[in-house]
Amino acid sequence: MKKIISTKNAPAAIGPYSQAVEAGGLLFISGQLPIDPATGAMAAAEIKAQTEAVIKNLEGILASEGLTLANVLKTTVFMADLGQFAQMNEVYGKFFSANPPARATIEVKALPKAALVEIEAVAAR
């Protein structure tokens, strides 16, 4: 059985997908963009601000299910420019300082809404 997760703590899905889906004690969180869920505005076009906004959206989805970033097992980071990896990693490291999850980071040609970064995650209950 799968459970569809939907919360106002993160931006609403902008297509035919769920913010997150839970099955077998795992929470699969769709890629989050640096969009403020309250206003719908994008974070400043700067990698550090966008990385922080994205991770806060992940936190919002996790919190809606009584979880935290400590429950995250794996993330995939999509970046428009790997030349900004160090700046993204600096912010990412502040949120995942102890026992960080497994991670893959991939440069892509473009992201929705011209975002600089998008992050998806898998968490465990």
PDB file of N, CA and C in Angstrom:
ATOM      1  N   MET A   1       0.843  -1.182   0.000  1.00  0.00           N
ATOM      2  CA  MET A   1       0.000   0.000   0.000  1.00  0.00           C
ATOM      3  C   MET A   1       0.880   1.234   0.000  1.00  0.00           C
ATOM      4  N   LYS A   2       0.481   2.223  -0.758  1.00  0.00           N
ATOM      5  CA  LYS A   2       1.219   3.473  -0.731  1.00  0.00           C
ATOM      6  C   LYS A   2       0.327   4.576  -0.197  1.00  0.00           C
ATOM      7  N   LYS A   3       0.978   5.504   0.487  1.00  0.00           N
ATOM      8  CA  LYS A   3       0.281   6.649   1.066  1.00  0.00           C
ATOM      9  C   LYS A   3       0.804   7.902   0.373  1.00  0.00           C
ATOM     10  N   ILE A   4      -0.088   8.713  -0.142  1.00  0.00           N
ATOM     11  CA  ILE A   4       0.286   9.964  -0.791  1.00  0.00           C
ATOM     12  C   ILE A   4       0.428  11.047   0.279  1.00  0.00           C
ATOM     13  N   ILE A   5       1.541  11.759   0.249  1.00  0.00           N
ATOM     14  CA  ILE A   5       1.818  12.816   1.216  1.00  0.00           C
ATOM     15  C   ILE A   5       1.595  14.164   0.528  1.00  0.00           C
ATOM     16  N   SER A   6       0.822  15.021   1.167  1.00  0.00           N
ATOM     17  CA  SER A   6       0.583  16.372   0.664  1.00  0.00           C
ATOM     18  C   SER A   6       0.543  17.315   1.853  1.00  0.00           C
ATOM     19  N   THR A   7       1.308  18.398   1.772  1.00  0.00           N
ATOM     20  CA  THR A   7       1.365  19.351   2.870  1.00  0.00           C
ATOM     21  C   THR A   7       1.515  20.769   2.331  1.00  0.00           C
ATOM     22  N   LYS A   8       1.032  21.719   3.105  1.00  0.00           N
ATOM     23  CA  LYS A   8       1.211  23.133   2.757  1.00  0.00           C
ATOM     24  C   LYS A   8       2.574  23.642   3.229  1.00  0.00           C
ATOM     25  N   ASN A   9       3.365  22.757   3.880  1.00  0.00           N
ATOM     26  CA  ASN A   9       4.696  23.123   4.370  1.00  0.00           C
ATOM     27  C   ASN A   9       5.747  23.150   3.269  1.00  0.00           C
ATOM     28  N   ALA A  10       5.331  22.802   2.047  1.00  0.00           N
ATOM     29  CA  ALA A  10       6.236  22.773   0.899  1.00  0.00           C
ATOM     30  C   ALA A  10       5.424  23.183  -0.324  1.00  0.00           C
ATOM     31  N   PRO A  11       6.097  23.593  -1.396  1.00  0.00           N
ATOM     32  CA  PRO A  11       5.356  23.990  -2.593  1.00  0.00           C
ATOM     33  C   PRO A  11       4.472  22.866  -3.119  1.00  0.00           C
ATOM     34  N   ALA A  12       3.303  23.223  -3.606  1.00  0.00           N
ATOM     35  CA  ALA A  12       2.402  22.242  -4.205  1.00  0.00           C
ATOM     36  C   ALA A  12       3.045  21.675  -5.462  1.00  0.00           C
ATOM     37  N   ALA A  13       2.704  20.454  -5.782  1.00  0.00           N
ATOM     38  CA  ALA A  13       3.195  19.829  -7.009  1.00  0.00           C
ATOM     39  C   ALA A  13       2.734  20.656  -8.207  1.00  0.00           C
ATOM     40  N   ILE A  14       3.623  20.828  -9.187  1.00  0.00           N
ATOM     41  CA  ILE A  14       3.271  21.614 -10.368  1.00  0.00           C
ATOM     42  C   ILE A  14       3.037  20.718 -11.580  1.00  0.00           C
ATOM     43  N   GLY A  15       2.726  19.473 -11.324  1.00  0.00           N
ATOM     44  CA  GLY A  15       2.480  18.521 -12.394  1.00  0.00           C
ATOM     45  C   GLY A  15       1.813  17.283 -11.825  1.00  0.00           C
ATOM     46  N   PRO A  16       1.727  16.243 -12.635  1.00  0.00           N
ATOM     47  CA  PRO A  16       1.072  15.009 -12.188  1.00  0.00           C
ATOM     48  C   PRO A  16       1.995  14.127 -11.335  1.00  0.00           C
ATOM     49  N   TYR A  17       2.329  14.611 -10.161  1.00  0.00           N
ATOM     50  CA  TYR A  17       3.142  13.859  -9.212  1.00  0.00           C
ATOM     51  C   TYR A  17       2.773  14.280  -7.801  1.00  0.00           C
ATOM     52  N   SER A  18       3.203  13.505  -6.837  1.00  0.00           N
ATOM     53  CA  SER A  18       2.936  13.792  -5.424  1.00  0.00           C
ATOM     54  C   SER A  18       4.165  14.438  -4.793  1.00  0.00           C
ATOM     55  N   GLN A  19       3.942  15.261  -3.766  1.00  0.00           N
ATOM     56  CA  GLN A  19       5.084  15.818  -3.035  1.00  0.00           C
ATOM     57  C   GLN A  19       5.946  14.690  -2.487  1.00  0.00           C
ATOM     58  N   ALA A  20       5.273  13.667  -1.989  1.00  0.00           N
ATOM     59  CA  ALA A  20       5.975  12.497  -1.463  1.00  0.00           C
ATOM     60  C   ALA A  20       5.011  11.312  -1.437  1.00  0.00           C
ATOM     61  N   VAL A  21       5.595  10.134  -1.404  1.00  0.00           N
ATOM     62  CA  VAL A  21       4.831   8.896  -1.309  1.00  0.00           C
ATOM     63  C   VAL A  21       5.516   8.021  -0.270  1.00  0.00           C
ATOM     64  N   GLU A  22       4.713   7.417   0.601  1.00  0.00           N
ATOM     65  CA  GLU A  22       5.263   6.502   1.600  1.00  0.00           C
ATOM     66  C   GLU A  22       4.834   5.087   1.276  1.00  0.00           C
ATOM     67  N   ALA A  23       5.779   4.174   1.397  1.00  0.00           N
ATOM     68  CA  ALA A  23       5.492   2.746   1.230  1.00  0.00           C
ATOM     69  C   ALA A  23       6.554   1.962   1.993  1.00  0.00           C
ATOM     70  N   GLY A  24       6.128   0.935   2.687  1.00  0.00           N
ATOM     71  CA  GLY A  24       7.068   0.076   3.392  1.00  0.00           C
ATOM     72  C   GLY A  24       7.966   0.803   4.380  1.00  0.00           C
ATOM     73  N   GLY A  25       7.455   1.851   5.009  1.00  0.00           N
ATOM     74  CA  GLY A  25       8.245   2.586   5.995  1.00  0.00           C
ATOM     75  C   GLY A  25       9.242   3.565   5.392  1.00  0.00           C
ATOM     76  N   LEU A  26       9.214   3.703   4.057  1.00  0.00           N
ATOM     77  CA  LEU A  26      10.098   4.652   3.387  1.00  0.00           C
ATOM     78  C   LEU A  26       9.280   5.792   2.799  1.00  0.00           C
ATOM     79  N   LEU A  27       9.831   6.978   2.876  1.00  0.00           N
ATOM     80  CA  LEU A  27       9.195   8.168   2.327  1.00  0.00           C
ATOM     81  C   LEU A  27      10.037   8.623   1.137  1.00  0.00           C
ATOM     82  N   PHE A  28       9.424   8.648  -0.040  1.00  0.00           N
ATOM     83  CA  PHE A  28      10.094   9.066  -1.270  1.00  0.00           C
ATOM     84  C   PHE A  28       9.630  10.487  -1.575  1.00  0.00           C
ATOM     85  N   ILE A  29      10.531  11.455  -1.420  1.00  0.00           N
ATOM     86  CA  ILE A  29      10.179  12.865  -1.577  1.00  0.00           C
ATOM     87  C   ILE A  29      10.595  13.332  -2.969  1.00  0.00           C
ATOM     88  N   SER A  30       9.622  13.860  -3.700  1.00  0.00           N
ATOM     89  CA  SER A  30       9.899  14.381  -5.038  1.00  0.00           C
ATOM     90  C   SER A  30      10.885  15.534  -4.960  1.00  0.00           C
ATOM     91  N   GLY A  31      11.544  15.786  -6.072  1.00  0.00           N
ATOM     92  CA  GLY A  31      12.497  16.883  -6.144  1.00  0.00           C
ATOM     93  C   GLY A  31      11.854  18.191  -5.723  1.00  0.00           C
ATOM     94  N   GLN A  32      12.523  18.888  -4.829  1.00  0.00           N
ATOM     95  CA  GLN A  32      12.027  20.168  -4.322  1.00  0.00           C
ATOM     96  C   GLN A  32      12.804  21.308  -4.949  1.00  0.00           C
ATOM     97  N   LEU A  33      12.063  22.336  -5.324  1.00  0.00           N
ATOM     98  CA  LEU A  33      12.645  23.545  -5.886  1.00  0.00           C
ATOM     99  C   LEU A  33      12.728  24.615  -4.804  1.00  0.00           C
ATOM    100  N   PRO A  34      13.490  25.680  -5.051  1.00  0.00           N
ATOM    101  CA  PRO A  34      13.631  26.750  -4.057  1.00  0.00           C
ATOM    102  C   PRO A  34      12.462  27.740  -4.106  1.00  0.00           C
ATOM    103  N   ILE A  35      11.273  27.223  -3.878  1.00  0.00           N
ATOM    104  CA  ILE A  35      10.052  28.031  -3.920  1.00  0.00           C
ATOM    105  C   ILE A  35       9.502  28.160  -2.507  1.00  0.00           C
ATOM    106  N   ASP A  36       9.163  29.366  -2.104  1.00  0.00           N
ATOM    107  CA  ASP A  36       8.548  29.611  -0.804  1.00  0.00           C
ATOM    108  C   ASP A  36       7.112  29.101  -0.865  1.00  0.00           C
ATOM    109  N   PRO A  37       6.753  28.127  -0.031  1.00  0.00           N
ATOM    110  CA  PRO A  37       5.401  27.566  -0.103  1.00  0.00           C
ATOM    111  C   PRO A  37       4.308  28.567   0.265  1.00  0.00           C
ATOM    112  N   ALA A  38       4.635  29.581   1.048  1.00  0.00           N
ATOM    113  CA  ALA A  38       3.635  30.567   1.469  1.00  0.00           C
ATOM    114  C   ALA A  38       3.337  31.582   0.368  1.00  0.00           C
ATOM    115  N   THR A  39       4.378  31.961  -0.393  1.00  0.00           N
ATOM    116  CA  THR A  39       4.196  33.024  -1.385  1.00  0.00           C
ATOM    117  C   THR A  39       4.266  32.541  -2.830  1.00  0.00           C
ATOM    118  N   GLY A  40       4.874  31.376  -3.042  1.00  0.00           N
ATOM    119  CA  GLY A  40       5.073  30.881  -4.402  1.00  0.00           C
ATOM    120  C   GLY A  40       6.254  31.531  -5.096  1.00  0.00           C
ATOM    121  N   ALA A  41       6.997  32.373  -4.378  1.00  0.00           N
ATOM    122  CA  ALA A  41       8.139  33.066  -4.972  1.00  0.00           C
ATOM    123  C   ALA A  41       9.393  32.198  -4.918  1.00  0.00           C
ATOM    124  N   MET A  42      10.221  32.333  -5.956  1.00  0.00           N
ATOM    125  CA  MET A  42      11.511  31.647  -5.984  1.00  0.00           C
ATOM    126  C   MET A  42      12.479  32.368  -5.058  1.00  0.00           C
ATOM    127  N   ALA A  43      13.377  31.613  -4.460  1.00  0.00           N
ATOM    128  CA  ALA A  43      14.455  32.221  -3.672  1.00  0.00           C
ATOM    129  C   ALA A  43      15.351  33.004  -4.623  1.00  0.00           C
ATOM    130  N   ALA A  44      16.151  33.883  -4.070  1.00  0.00           N
ATOM    131  CA  ALA A  44      17.079  34.688  -4.874  1.00  0.00           C
ATOM    132  C   ALA A  44      17.894  33.782  -5.799  1.00  0.00           C
ATOM    133  N   ALA A  45      18.239  34.282  -6.963  1.00  0.00           N
ATOM    134  CA  ALA A  45      18.983  33.511  -7.963  1.00  0.00           C
ATOM    135  C   ALA A  45      20.446  33.395  -7.547  1.00  0.00           C
ATOM    136  N   GLU A  46      20.659  32.738  -6.423  1.00  0.00           N
ATOM    137  CA  GLU A  46      21.982  32.557  -5.836  1.00  0.00           C
ATOM    138  C   GLU A  46      21.987  31.171  -5.208  1.00  0.00           C
ATOM    139  N   ILE A  47      23.016  30.387  -5.459  1.00  0.00           N
ATOM    140  CA  ILE A  47      23.021  28.968  -5.103  1.00  0.00           C
ATOM    141  C   ILE A  47      22.851  28.720  -3.603  1.00  0.00           C
ATOM    142  N   LYS A  48      23.462  29.524  -2.750  1.00  0.00           N
ATOM    143  CA  LYS A  48      23.331  29.283  -1.309  1.00  0.00           C
ATOM    144  C   LYS A  48      21.897  29.506  -0.842  1.00  0.00           C
ATOM    145  N   ALA A  49      21.287  30.592  -1.269  1.00  0.00           N
ATOM    146  CA  ALA A  49      19.897  30.872  -0.874  1.00  0.00           C
ATOM    147  C   ALA A  49      18.962  29.807  -1.418  1.00  0.00           C
ATOM    148  N   GLN A  50      19.190  29.373  -2.639  1.00  0.00           N
ATOM    149  CA  GLN A  50      18.310  28.363  -3.225  1.00  0.00           C
ATOM    150  C   GLN A  50      18.492  27.006  -2.554  1.00  0.00           C
ATOM    151  N   THR A  51      19.724  26.652  -2.218  1.00  0.00           N
ATOM    152  CA  THR A  51      19.955  25.378  -1.523  1.00  0.00           C
ATOM    153  C   THR A  51      19.250  25.369  -0.177  1.00  0.00           C
ATOM    154  N   GLU A  52      19.358  26.461   0.561  1.00  0.00           N
ATOM    155  CA  GLU A  52      18.681  26.552   1.862  1.00  0.00           C
ATOM    156  C   GLU A  52      17.169  26.441   1.701  1.00  0.00           C
ATOM    157  N   ALA A  53      16.603  27.123   0.719  1.00  0.00           N
ATOM    158  CA  ALA A  53      15.153  27.074   0.497  1.00  0.00           C
ATOM    159  C   ALA A  53      14.702  25.664   0.142  1.00  0.00           C
ATOM    160  N   VAL A  54      15.466  24.977  -0.682  1.00  0.00           N
ATOM    161  CA  VAL A  54      15.129  23.607  -1.073  1.00  0.00           C
ATOM    162  C   VAL A  54      15.127  22.690   0.148  1.00  0.00           C
ATOM    163  N   ILE A  55      16.163  22.788   0.974  1.00  0.00           N
ATOM    164  CA  ILE A  55      16.251  21.903   2.142  1.00  0.00           C
ATOM    165  C   ILE A  55      15.144  22.226   3.140  1.00  0.00           C
ATOM    166  N   LYS A  56      14.776  23.480   3.266  1.00  0.00           N
ATOM    167  CA  LYS A  56      13.650  23.827   4.143  1.00  0.00           C
ATOM    168  C   LYS A  56      12.352  23.218   3.623  1.00  0.00           C
ATOM    169  N   ASN A  57      12.193  23.117   2.313  1.00  0.00           N
ATOM    170  CA  ASN A  57      11.006  22.460   1.758  1.00  0.00           C
ATOM    171  C   ASN A  57      11.029  20.961   2.056  1.00  0.00           C
ATOM    172  N   LEU A  58      12.213  20.357   1.971  1.00  0.00           N
ATOM    173  CA  LEU A  58      12.321  18.947   2.365  1.00  0.00           C
ATOM    174  C   LEU A  58      11.930  18.786   3.837  1.00  0.00           C
ATOM    175  N   GLU A  59      12.428  19.690   4.679  1.00  0.00           N
ATOM    176  CA  GLU A  59      12.088  19.646   6.106  1.00  0.00           C
ATOM    177  C   GLU A  59      10.583  19.777   6.317  1.00  0.00           C
ATOM    178  N   GLY A  60       9.932  20.618   5.546  1.00  0.00           N
ATOM    179  CA  GLY A  60       8.490  20.803   5.677  1.00  0.00           C
ATOM    180  C   GLY A  60       7.719  19.528   5.389  1.00  0.00           C
ATOM    181  N   ILE A  61       8.129  18.823   4.359  1.00  0.00           N
ATOM    182  CA  ILE A  61       7.463  17.552   4.026  1.00  0.00           C
ATOM    183  C   ILE A  61       7.739  16.525   5.108  1.00  0.00           C
ATOM    184  N   LEU A  62       8.980  16.422   5.534  1.00  0.00           N
ATOM    185  CA  LEU A  62       9.330  15.474   6.601  1.00  0.00           C
ATOM    186  C   LEU A  62       8.555  15.784   7.877  1.00  0.00           C
ATOM    187  N   ALA A  63       8.498  17.056   8.269  1.00  0.00           N
ATOM    188  CA  ALA A  63       7.805  17.460   9.495  1.00  0.00           C
ATOM    189  C   ALA A  63       6.325  17.112   9.442  1.00  0.00           C
ATOM    190  N   SER A  64       5.738  17.185   8.262  1.00  0.00           N
ATOM    191  CA  SER A  64       4.313  16.857   8.146  1.00  0.00           C
ATOM    192  C   SER A  64       4.043  15.396   8.480  1.00  0.00           C
ATOM    193  N   GLU A  65       5.088  14.580   8.458  1.00  0.00           N
ATOM    194  CA  GLU A  65       4.978  13.160   8.786  1.00  0.00           C
ATOM    195  C   GLU A  65       5.686  12.819  10.099  1.00  0.00           C
ATOM    196  N   GLY A  66       6.038  13.845  10.872  1.00  0.00           N
ATOM    197  CA  GLY A  66       6.697  13.625  12.153  1.00  0.00           C
ATOM    198  C   GLY A  66       8.143  13.194  12.027  1.00  0.00           C
ATOM    199  N   LEU A  67       8.785  13.525  10.911  1.00  0.00           N
ATOM    200  CA  LEU A  67      10.173  13.137  10.674  1.00  0.00           C
ATOM    201  C   LEU A  67      11.053  14.380  10.579  1.00  0.00           C
ATOM    202  N   THR A  68      12.368  14.167  10.569  1.00  0.00           N
ATOM    203  CA  THR A  68      13.337  15.249  10.438  1.00  0.00           C
ATOM    204  C   THR A  68      14.377  14.854   9.392  1.00  0.00           C
ATOM    205  N   LEU A  69      15.303  15.751   9.145  1.00  0.00           N
ATOM    206  CA  LEU A  69      16.384  15.441   8.210  1.00  0.00           C
ATOM    207  C   LEU A  69      17.216  14.253   8.678  1.00  0.00           C
ATOM    208  N   ALA A  70      17.202  13.960   9.970  1.00  0.00           N
ATOM    209  CA  ALA A  70      17.938  12.798  10.494  1.00  0.00           C
ATOM    210  C   ALA A  70      17.381  11.489   9.944  1.00  0.00           C
ATOM    211  N   ASN A  71      16.145  11.493   9.454  1.00  0.00           N
ATOM    212  CA  ASN A  71      15.527  10.292   8.888  1.00  0.00           C
ATOM    213  C   ASN A  71      15.915  10.059   7.428  1.00  0.00           C
ATOM    214  N   VAL A  72      16.580  11.036   6.811  1.00  0.00           N
ATOM    215  CA  VAL A  72      16.915  10.933   5.392  1.00  0.00           C
ATOM    216  C   VAL A  72      18.041   9.934   5.176  1.00  0.00           C
ATOM    217  N   LEU A  73      17.805   8.987   4.277  1.00  0.00           N
ATOM    218  CA  LEU A  73      18.783   7.961   3.943  1.00  0.00           C
ATOM    219  C   LEU A  73      19.623   8.336   2.731  1.00  0.00           C
ATOM    220  N   LYS A  74      18.992   8.998   1.745  1.00  0.00           N
ATOM    221  CA  LYS A  74      19.648   9.283   0.461  1.00  0.00           C
ATOM    222  C   LYS A  74      19.063  10.535  -0.148  1.00  0.00           C
ATOM    223  N   THR A  75      19.918  11.341  -0.744  1.00  0.00           N
ATOM    224  CA  THR A  75      19.448  12.484  -1.515  1.00  0.00           C
ATOM    225  C   THR A  75      20.064  12.422  -2.906  1.00  0.00           C
ATOM    226  N   THR A  76      19.385  13.052  -3.834  1.00  0.00           N
ATOM    227  CA  THR A  76      19.946  13.300  -5.163  1.00  0.00           C
ATOM    228  C   THR A  76      19.843  14.795  -5.383  1.00  0.00           C
ATOM    229  N   VAL A  77      20.980  15.411  -5.656  1.00  0.00           N
ATOM    230  CA  VAL A  77      21.050  16.852  -5.872  1.00  0.00           C
ATOM    231  C   VAL A  77      21.241  17.086  -7.367  1.00  0.00           C
ATOM    232  N   PHE A  78      20.353  17.866  -7.945  1.00  0.00           N
ATOM    233  CA  PHE A  78      20.451  18.238  -9.346  1.00  0.00           C
ATOM    234  C   PHE A  78      20.870  19.699  -9.390  1.00  0.00           C
ATOM    235  N   MET A  79      21.946  19.995 -10.115  1.00  0.00           N
ATOM    236  CA  MET A  79      22.453  21.361 -10.188  1.00  0.00           C
ATOM    237  C   MET A  79      22.564  21.804 -11.639  1.00  0.00           C
ATOM    238  N   ALA A  80      22.273  23.076 -11.869  1.00  0.00           N
ATOM    239  CA  ALA A  80      22.411  23.634 -13.212  1.00  0.00           C
ATOM    240  C   ALA A  80      23.877  23.916 -13.536  1.00  0.00           C
ATOM    241  N   ASP A  81      24.726  24.032 -12.499  1.00  0.00           N
ATOM    242  CA  ASP A  81      26.138  24.352 -12.708  1.00  0.00           C
ATOM    243  C   ASP A  81      26.971  23.736 -11.590  1.00  0.00           C
ATOM    244  N   LEU A  82      27.688  22.659 -11.901  1.00  0.00           N
ATOM    245  CA  LEU A  82      28.532  22.027 -10.882  1.00  0.00           C
ATOM    246  C   LEU A  82      29.695  22.919 -10.463  1.00  0.00           C
ATOM    247  N   GLY A  83      29.934  23.993 -11.181  1.00  0.00           N
ATOM    248  CA  GLY A  83      30.933  24.961 -10.769  1.00  0.00           C
ATOM    249  C   GLY A  83      30.561  25.631  -9.456  1.00  0.00           C
ATOM    250  N   GLN A  84      29.295  25.522  -9.056  1.00  0.00           N
ATOM    251  CA  GLN A  84      28.825  26.085  -7.791  1.00  0.00           C
ATOM    252  C   GLN A  84      28.693  25.016  -6.701  1.00  0.00           C
ATOM    253  N   PHE A  85      29.309  23.862  -6.933  1.00  0.00           N
ATOM    254  CA  PHE A  85      29.202  22.734  -5.999  1.00  0.00           C
ATOM    255  C   PHE A  85      29.670  23.105  -4.594  1.00  0.00           C
ATOM    256  N   ALA A  86      30.795  23.773  -4.478  1.00  0.00           N
ATOM    257  CA  ALA A  86      31.338  24.090  -3.145  1.00  0.00           C
ATOM    258  C   ALA A  86      30.365  24.934  -2.330  1.00  0.00           C
ATOM    259  N   GLN A  87      29.718  25.918  -2.973  1.00  0.00           N
ATOM    260  CA  GLN A  87      28.768  26.770  -2.266  1.00  0.00           C
ATOM    261  C   GLN A  87      27.526  25.981  -1.856  1.00  0.00           C
ATOM    262  N   MET A  88      27.022  25.126  -2.758  1.00  0.00           N
ATOM    263  CA  MET A  88      25.872  24.284  -2.421  1.00  0.00           C
ATOM    264  C   MET A  88      26.239  23.359  -1.268  1.00  0.00           C
ATOM    265  N   ASN A  89      27.413  22.750  -1.362  1.00  0.00           N
ATOM    266  CA  ASN A  89      27.851  21.781  -0.370  1.00  0.00           C
ATOM    267  C   ASN A  89      28.025  22.413   1.009  1.00  0.00           C
ATOM    268  N   GLU A  90      28.453  23.671   1.039  1.00  0.00           N
ATOM    269  CA  GLU A  90      28.607  24.387   2.310  1.00  0.00           C
ATOM    270  C   GLU A  90      27.264  24.493   3.038  1.00  0.00           C
ATOM    271  N   VAL A  91      26.230  24.883   2.313  1.00  0.00           N
ATOM    272  CA  VAL A  91      24.892  25.007   2.911  1.00  0.00           C
ATOM    273  C   VAL A  91      24.345  23.624   3.245  1.00  0.00           C
ATOM    274  N   TYR A  92      24.454  22.687   2.329  1.00  0.00           N
ATOM    275  CA  TYR A  92      23.985  21.312   2.535  1.00  0.00           C
ATOM    276  C   TYR A  92      24.604  20.730   3.809  1.00  0.00           C
ATOM    277  N   GLY A  93      25.896  20.952   3.994  1.00  0.00           N
ATOM    278  CA  GLY A  93      26.608  20.418   5.153  1.00  0.00           C
ATOM    279  C   GLY A  93      26.116  20.964   6.479  1.00  0.00           C
ATOM    280  N   LYS A  94      25.583  22.175   6.475  1.00  0.00           N
ATOM    281  CA  LYS A  94      25.037  22.749   7.713  1.00  0.00           C
ATOM    282  C   LYS A  94      23.766  22.021   8.139  1.00  0.00           C
ATOM    283  N   PHE A  95      23.004  21.538   7.182  1.00  0.00           N
ATOM    284  CA  PHE A  95      21.760  20.827   7.493  1.00  0.00           C
ATOM    285  C   PHE A  95      22.005  19.345   7.757  1.00  0.00           C
ATOM    286  N   PHE A  96      23.002  18.774   7.117  1.00  0.00           N
ATOM    287  CA  PHE A  96      23.316  17.345   7.261  1.00  0.00           C
ATOM    288  C   PHE A  96      24.720  17.199   7.848  1.00  0.00           C
ATOM    289  N   SER A  97      24.930  17.744   9.047  1.00  0.00           N
ATOM    290  CA  SER A  97      26.266  17.741   9.641  1.00  0.00           C
ATOM    291  C   SER A  97      26.621  16.415  10.311  1.00  0.00           C
ATOM    292  N   ALA A  98      25.661  15.790  10.962  1.00  0.00           N
ATOM    293  CA  ALA A  98      25.930  14.527  11.661  1.00  0.00           C
ATOM    294  C   ALA A  98      25.284  13.382  10.900  1.00  0.00           C
ATOM    295  N   ASN A  99      26.039  12.328  10.683  1.00  0.00           N
ATOM    296  CA  ASN A  99      25.527  11.146   9.996  1.00  0.00           C
ATOM    297  C   ASN A  99      24.793  11.502   8.702  1.00  0.00           C
ATOM    298  N   PRO A 100      25.473  12.172   7.766  1.00  0.00           N
ATOM    299  CA  PRO A 100      24.793  12.592   6.542  1.00  0.00           C
ATOM    300  C   PRO A 100      24.325  11.400   5.712  1.00  0.00           C
ATOM    301  N   PRO A 101      23.289  11.632   4.908  1.00  0.00           N
ATOM    302  CA  PRO A 101      22.777  10.549   4.059  1.00  0.00           C
ATOM    303  C   PRO A 101      23.709  10.277   2.887  1.00  0.00           C
ATOM    304  N   ALA A 102      23.486   9.166   2.226  1.00  0.00           N
ATOM    305  CA  ALA A 102      24.159   8.911   0.951  1.00  0.00           C
ATOM    306  C   ALA A 102      23.675   9.986  -0.017  1.00  0.00           C
ATOM    307  N   ARG A 103      24.499  10.295  -1.036  1.00  0.00           N
ATOM    308  CA  ARG A 103      24.109  11.377  -1.937  1.00  0.00           C
ATOM    309  C   ARG A 103      24.728  11.179  -3.308  1.00  0.00           C
ATOM    310  N   ALA A 104      23.976  11.587  -4.314  1.00  0.00           N
ATOM    311  CA  ALA A 104      24.508  11.725  -5.668  1.00  0.00           C
ATOM    312  C   ALA A 104      24.252  13.168  -6.071  1.00  0.00           C
ATOM    313  N   THR A 105      25.193  13.756  -6.791  1.00  0.00           N
ATOM    314  CA  THR A 105      25.025  15.124  -7.291  1.00  0.00           C
ATOM    315  C   THR A 105      25.258  15.090  -8.797  1.00  0.00           C
ATOM    316  N   ILE A 106      24.306  15.659  -9.517  1.00  0.00           N
ATOM    317  CA  ILE A 106      24.308  15.567 -10.970  1.00  0.00           C
ATOM    318  C   ILE A 106      24.114  16.956 -11.569  1.00  0.00           C
ATOM    319  N   GLU A 107      24.909  17.293 -12.573  1.00  0.00           N
ATOM    320  CA  GLU A 107      24.679  18.530 -13.317  1.00  0.00           C
ATOM    321  C   GLU A 107      23.682  18.227 -14.437  1.00  0.00           C
ATOM    322  N   VAL A 108      22.700  19.104 -14.561  1.00  0.00           N
ATOM    323  CA  VAL A 108      21.689  18.952 -15.604  1.00  0.00           C
ATOM    324  C   VAL A 108      21.679  20.211 -16.470  1.00  0.00           C
ATOM    325  N   LYS A 109      21.144  20.086 -17.659  1.00  0.00           N
ATOM    326  CA  LYS A 109      21.114  21.222 -18.587  1.00  0.00           C
ATOM    327  C   LYS A 109      20.236  22.348 -18.058  1.00  0.00           C
ATOM    328  N   ALA A 110      19.096  21.997 -17.484  1.00  0.00           N
ATOM    329  CA  ALA A 110      18.165  23.000 -16.959  1.00  0.00           C
ATOM    330  C   ALA A 110      17.267  22.357 -15.920  1.00  0.00           C
ATOM    331  N   LEU A 111      16.726  23.201 -15.035  1.00  0.00           N
ATOM    332  CA  LEU A 111      15.776  22.767 -14.016  1.00  0.00           C
ATOM    333  C   LEU A 111      14.490  23.563 -14.188  1.00  0.00           C
ATOM    334  N   PRO A 112      13.359  23.033 -13.687  1.00  0.00           N
ATOM    335  CA  PRO A 112      12.104  23.778 -13.796  1.00  0.00           C
ATOM    336  C   PRO A 112      12.226  25.171 -13.191  1.00  0.00           C
ATOM    337  N   LYS A 113      11.563  26.121 -13.809  1.00  0.00           N
ATOM    338  CA  LYS A 113      11.506  27.508 -13.335  1.00  0.00           C
ATOM    339  C   LYS A 113      12.888  28.158 -13.249  1.00  0.00           C
ATOM    340  N   ALA A 114      13.839  27.634 -14.035  1.00  0.00           N
ATOM    341  CA  ALA A 114      15.211  28.151 -14.075  1.00  0.00           C
ATOM    342  C   ALA A 114      15.907  28.101 -12.715  1.00  0.00           C
ATOM    343  N   ALA A 115      15.509  27.146 -11.876  1.00  0.00           N
ATOM    344  CA  ALA A 115      16.155  26.973 -10.565  1.00  0.00           C
ATOM    345  C   ALA A 115      17.619  26.579 -10.762  1.00  0.00           C
ATOM    346  N   LEU A 116      18.419  26.876  -9.776  1.00  0.00           N
ATOM    347  CA  LEU A 116      19.826  26.498  -9.793  1.00  0.00           C
ATOM    348  C   LEU A 116      20.064  25.129  -9.171  1.00  0.00           C
ATOM    349  N   VAL A 117      19.123  24.701  -8.307  1.00  0.00           N
ATOM    350  CA  VAL A 117      19.277  23.433  -7.596  1.00  0.00           C
ATOM    351  C   VAL A 117      17.908  22.821  -7.309  1.00  0.00           C
ATOM    352  N   GLU A 118      17.854  21.504  -7.319  1.00  0.00           N
ATOM    353  CA  GLU A 118      16.669  20.734  -6.944  1.00  0.00           C
ATOM    354  C   GLU A 118      17.187  19.506  -6.190  1.00  0.00           C
ATOM    355  N   ILE A 119      16.496  19.136  -5.124  1.00  0.00           N
ATOM    356  CA  ILE A 119      16.925  17.981  -4.337  1.00  0.00           C
ATOM    357  C   ILE A 119      15.735  17.064  -4.070  1.00  0.00           C
ATOM    358  N   GLU A 120      15.934  15.763  -4.326  1.00  0.00           N
ATOM    359  CA  GLU A 120      14.948  14.753  -3.942  1.00  0.00           C
ATOM    360  C   GLU A 120      15.554  13.927  -2.814  1.00  0.00           C
ATOM    361  N   ALA A 121      14.695  13.234  -2.066  1.00  0.00           N
ATOM    362  CA  ALA A 121      15.202  12.478  -0.908  1.00  0.00           C
ATOM    363  C   ALA A 121      14.392  11.220  -0.660  1.00  0.00           C
ATOM    364  N   VAL A 122      15.039  10.275   0.005  1.00  0.00           N
ATOM    365  CA  VAL A 122      14.380   9.074   0.520  1.00  0.00           C
ATOM    366  C   VAL A 122      14.651   9.050   2.010  1.00  0.00           C
ATOM    367  N   ALA A 123      13.587   8.912   2.798  1.00  0.00           N
ATOM    368  CA  ALA A 123      13.713   8.884   4.258  1.00  0.00           C
ATOM    369  C   ALA A 123      13.059   7.618   4.807  1.00  0.00           C
ATOM    370  N   ALA A 124      13.456   7.240   5.990  1.00  0.00           N
ATOM    371  CA  ALA A 124      12.885   6.060   6.666  1.00  0.00           C
ATOM    372  C   ALA A 124      12.189   6.488   7.951  1.00  0.00           C
ATOM    373  N   ARG A 125      11.101   5.800   8.263  1.00  0.00           N
ATOM    374  CA  ARG A 125      10.400   6.056   9.535  1.00  0.00           C
ATOM    375  C   ARG A 125      11.237   5.597  10.686  1.00  0.00           C
TER     376      ARG A 125
END
